[in-house]
Amino acid sequence: MLAAGDSCSGQLISYLLCMQSWLFGQAIHSIEPDAVALHTSHGYESPHSKFLTRSTVIASDILGKILDDAMCWRL
């Protein structure tokens, strides 16, 4: 867990979350561009896009657990 006043760790986590979000967006764009199109993807749904979205949630949970454990070891 992060300490309340640990701003450096907070900035690192924010940066990593931004990069993770961008990478997932790029991956989905390369597989199914309609799912992340800027003005037309609102409400877009297909079985494949549901699978991709759920996969990114699972990957995010795993990555979050790894990062949380790494931060605990650092403290």
N, C-alpha and C. Protein backbone atom coordinates (compact mmCIF):
# COMPACT_ATOMS: atom_id res chain seq x y z
N MET A 1 0.84 -1.18 0.00
CA MET A 1 0.00 0.00 0.00
C MET A 1 0.88 1.25 0.00
N LEU A 2 0.42 2.28 -0.65
CA LEU A 2 1.17 3.53 -0.70
C LEU A 2 0.96 4.32 0.57
N ALA A 3 2.02 4.98 1.00
CA ALA A 3 1.89 5.88 2.15
C ALA A 3 1.13 7.13 1.72
N ALA A 4 0.43 7.73 2.66
CA ALA A 4 -0.43 8.88 2.34
C ALA A 4 0.35 10.04 1.73
N GLY A 5 1.55 10.30 2.20
CA GLY A 5 2.30 11.44 1.71
C GLY A 5 3.34 11.09 0.66
N ASP A 6 3.28 9.92 0.12
CA ASP A 6 4.29 9.46 -0.83
C ASP A 6 3.94 9.92 -2.24
N SER A 7 4.21 11.19 -2.54
CA SER A 7 3.79 11.77 -3.82
C SER A 7 4.58 11.20 -4.99
N CYS A 8 5.81 10.83 -4.78
CA CYS A 8 6.61 10.26 -5.86
C CYS A 8 6.00 8.94 -6.33
N SER A 9 5.61 8.10 -5.39
CA SER A 9 4.97 6.83 -5.75
C SER A 9 3.64 7.08 -6.44
N GLY A 10 2.90 8.06 -5.97
CA GLY A 10 1.62 8.39 -6.58
C GLY A 10 1.78 8.85 -8.02
N GLN A 11 2.81 9.64 -8.28
CA GLN A 11 3.07 10.10 -9.64
C GLN A 11 3.49 8.94 -10.54
N LEU A 12 4.27 8.02 -9.99
CA LEU A 12 4.70 6.86 -10.75
C LEU A 12 3.50 5.99 -11.11
N ILE A 13 2.64 5.74 -10.14
CA ILE A 13 1.45 4.92 -10.40
C ILE A 13 0.56 5.60 -11.43
N SER A 14 0.37 6.92 -11.32
CA SER A 14 -0.45 7.65 -12.30
C SER A 14 0.13 7.51 -13.70
N TYR A 15 1.43 7.64 -13.81
CA TYR A 15 2.09 7.50 -15.11
C TYR A 15 1.89 6.10 -15.66
N LEU A 16 2.09 5.09 -14.82
CA LEU A 16 1.94 3.71 -15.27
C LEU A 16 0.51 3.40 -15.68
N LEU A 17 -0.47 3.96 -14.97
CA LEU A 17 -1.87 3.75 -15.33
C LEU A 17 -2.21 4.41 -16.66
N CYS A 18 -1.64 5.58 -16.90
CA CYS A 18 -1.85 6.25 -18.19
C CYS A 18 -1.25 5.43 -19.33
N MET A 19 -0.05 4.92 -19.11
CA MET A 19 0.59 4.10 -20.14
C MET A 19 -0.19 2.82 -20.38
N GLN A 20 -0.68 2.20 -19.31
CA GLN A 20 -1.47 0.98 -19.44
C GLN A 20 -2.74 1.24 -20.25
N SER A 21 -3.42 2.32 -19.95
CA SER A 21 -4.64 2.67 -20.66
C SER A 21 -4.35 2.92 -22.14
N TRP A 22 -3.30 3.64 -22.42
CA TRP A 22 -2.92 3.92 -23.81
C TRP A 22 -2.58 2.64 -24.55
N LEU A 23 -1.79 1.75 -23.90
CA LEU A 23 -1.41 0.49 -24.55
C LEU A 23 -2.63 -0.40 -24.83
N PHE A 24 -3.55 -0.48 -23.87
CA PHE A 24 -4.76 -1.26 -24.10
C PHE A 24 -5.58 -0.65 -25.25
N GLY A 25 -5.65 0.66 -25.29
CA GLY A 25 -6.37 1.32 -26.38
C GLY A 25 -5.74 1.03 -27.73
N GLN A 26 -4.42 1.07 -27.78
CA GLN A 26 -3.72 0.77 -29.04
C GLN A 26 -3.93 -0.69 -29.45
N ALA A 27 -3.90 -1.59 -28.48
CA ALA A 27 -4.10 -3.02 -28.78
C ALA A 27 -5.51 -3.25 -29.32
N ILE A 28 -6.50 -2.67 -28.66
CA ILE A 28 -7.88 -2.83 -29.13
C ILE A 28 -8.06 -2.18 -30.49
N HIS A 29 -7.44 -1.03 -30.70
CA HIS A 29 -7.54 -0.35 -32.00
C HIS A 29 -6.97 -1.21 -33.12
N SER A 30 -5.89 -1.92 -32.84
CA SER A 30 -5.30 -2.76 -33.89
C SER A 30 -6.14 -4.00 -34.18
N ILE A 31 -6.94 -4.44 -33.19
CA ILE A 31 -7.77 -5.64 -33.37
C ILE A 31 -9.16 -5.29 -33.88
N GLU A 32 -9.78 -4.29 -33.24
CA GLU A 32 -11.14 -3.89 -33.61
C GLU A 32 -11.28 -2.37 -33.51
N PRO A 33 -10.91 -1.65 -34.57
CA PRO A 33 -10.89 -0.19 -34.53
C PRO A 33 -12.24 0.46 -34.22
N ASP A 34 -13.34 -0.17 -34.63
CA ASP A 34 -14.65 0.43 -34.38
C ASP A 34 -14.96 0.55 -32.88
N ALA A 35 -14.35 -0.29 -32.07
CA ALA A 35 -14.63 -0.29 -30.64
C ALA A 35 -14.05 0.93 -29.93
N VAL A 36 -13.05 1.58 -30.53
CA VAL A 36 -12.42 2.73 -29.90
C VAL A 36 -12.41 3.96 -30.81
N ALA A 37 -13.27 3.98 -31.81
CA ALA A 37 -13.35 5.13 -32.71
C ALA A 37 -13.80 6.36 -31.92
N LEU A 38 -13.24 7.51 -32.23
CA LEU A 38 -13.43 8.71 -31.42
C LEU A 38 -14.88 9.13 -31.27
N HIS A 39 -15.60 9.32 -32.34
CA HIS A 39 -16.96 9.86 -32.25
C HIS A 39 -18.06 8.82 -32.43
N THR A 40 -17.71 7.63 -32.88
CA THR A 40 -18.74 6.65 -33.21
C THR A 40 -18.75 5.42 -32.31
N SER A 41 -17.83 5.32 -31.36
CA SER A 41 -17.76 4.10 -30.55
C SER A 41 -18.70 4.12 -29.35
N HIS A 42 -19.32 5.25 -29.06
CA HIS A 42 -20.25 5.32 -27.92
C HIS A 42 -21.43 4.37 -28.17
N GLY A 43 -21.60 3.41 -27.27
CA GLY A 43 -22.66 2.44 -27.43
C GLY A 43 -22.31 1.27 -28.33
N TYR A 44 -21.09 1.27 -28.88
CA TYR A 44 -20.67 0.16 -29.75
C TYR A 44 -20.54 -1.10 -28.92
N GLU A 45 -21.07 -2.19 -29.42
CA GLU A 45 -21.00 -3.45 -28.70
C GLU A 45 -21.02 -4.61 -29.68
N SER A 46 -20.10 -5.52 -29.50
CA SER A 46 -20.08 -6.77 -30.26
C SER A 46 -19.52 -7.84 -29.32
N PRO A 47 -19.74 -9.08 -29.63
CA PRO A 47 -19.18 -10.13 -28.76
C PRO A 47 -17.65 -10.03 -28.64
N HIS A 48 -17.02 -9.68 -29.74
CA HIS A 48 -15.56 -9.55 -29.73
C HIS A 48 -15.11 -8.37 -28.88
N SER A 49 -15.79 -7.24 -28.97
CA SER A 49 -15.40 -6.07 -28.18
C SER A 49 -15.66 -6.31 -26.69
N LYS A 50 -16.72 -7.04 -26.37
CA LYS A 50 -16.98 -7.39 -24.97
C LYS A 50 -15.84 -8.24 -24.41
N PHE A 51 -15.40 -9.21 -25.21
CA PHE A 51 -14.29 -10.06 -24.78
C PHE A 51 -13.02 -9.23 -24.57
N LEU A 52 -12.73 -8.34 -25.52
CA LEU A 52 -11.54 -7.50 -25.40
C LEU A 52 -11.60 -6.61 -24.16
N THR A 53 -12.76 -6.01 -23.92
CA THR A 53 -12.91 -5.13 -22.77
C THR A 53 -12.75 -5.91 -21.46
N ARG A 54 -13.35 -7.06 -21.38
CA ARG A 54 -13.24 -7.88 -20.17
C ARG A 54 -11.81 -8.37 -19.98
N SER A 55 -11.12 -8.65 -21.07
CA SER A 55 -9.72 -9.08 -20.98
C SER A 55 -8.84 -7.97 -20.43
N THR A 56 -9.11 -6.72 -20.84
CA THR A 56 -8.30 -5.62 -20.31
C THR A 56 -8.57 -5.41 -18.82
N VAL A 57 -9.79 -5.68 -18.37
CA VAL A 57 -10.09 -5.56 -16.94
C VAL A 57 -9.30 -6.60 -16.15
N ILE A 58 -9.29 -7.82 -16.64
CA ILE A 58 -8.54 -8.88 -15.95
C ILE A 58 -7.05 -8.56 -15.95
N ALA A 59 -6.53 -8.11 -17.09
CA ALA A 59 -5.11 -7.75 -17.17
C ALA A 59 -4.79 -6.58 -16.24
N SER A 60 -5.71 -5.62 -16.13
CA SER A 60 -5.51 -4.49 -15.23
C SER A 60 -5.46 -4.94 -13.77
N ASP A 61 -6.34 -5.86 -13.41
CA ASP A 61 -6.35 -6.38 -12.05
C ASP A 61 -5.04 -7.11 -11.72
N ILE A 62 -4.56 -7.91 -12.66
CA ILE A 62 -3.31 -8.62 -12.45
C ILE A 62 -2.14 -7.64 -12.34
N LEU A 63 -2.09 -6.68 -13.25
CA LEU A 63 -1.02 -5.69 -13.21
C LEU A 63 -1.09 -4.85 -11.94
N GLY A 64 -2.29 -4.49 -11.52
CA GLY A 64 -2.44 -3.73 -10.27
C GLY A 64 -1.95 -4.50 -9.08
N LYS A 65 -2.22 -5.78 -9.03
CA LYS A 65 -1.74 -6.62 -7.93
C LYS A 65 -0.22 -6.69 -7.93
N ILE A 66 0.37 -6.85 -9.11
CA ILE A 66 1.83 -6.91 -9.21
C ILE A 66 2.45 -5.59 -8.75
N LEU A 67 1.89 -4.47 -9.22
CA LEU A 67 2.43 -3.16 -8.83
C LEU A 67 2.23 -2.89 -7.35
N ASP A 68 1.09 -3.28 -6.81
CA ASP A 68 0.83 -3.08 -5.39
C ASP A 68 1.83 -3.87 -4.55
N ASP A 69 2.08 -5.12 -4.93
CA ASP A 69 3.06 -5.93 -4.21
C ASP A 69 4.45 -5.34 -4.33
N ALA A 70 4.81 -4.84 -5.52
CA ALA A 70 6.12 -4.23 -5.71
C ALA A 70 6.28 -2.99 -4.85
N MET A 71 5.22 -2.18 -4.73
CA MET A 71 5.31 -0.97 -3.92
C MET A 71 5.42 -1.33 -2.44
N CYS A 72 4.75 -2.39 -2.02
CA CYS A 72 4.84 -2.81 -0.61
C CYS A 72 6.25 -3.28 -0.28
N TRP A 73 6.87 -3.99 -1.20
CA TRP A 73 8.24 -4.44 -0.96
C TRP A 73 9.21 -3.28 -0.90
N ARG A 74 8.91 -2.23 -1.65
CA ARG A 74 9.79 -1.06 -1.67
C ARG A 74 9.73 -0.31 -0.36
N LEU A 75 8.54 -0.27 0.25
CA LEU A 75 8.38 0.45 1.51
C LEU A 75 8.95 -0.40 2.59
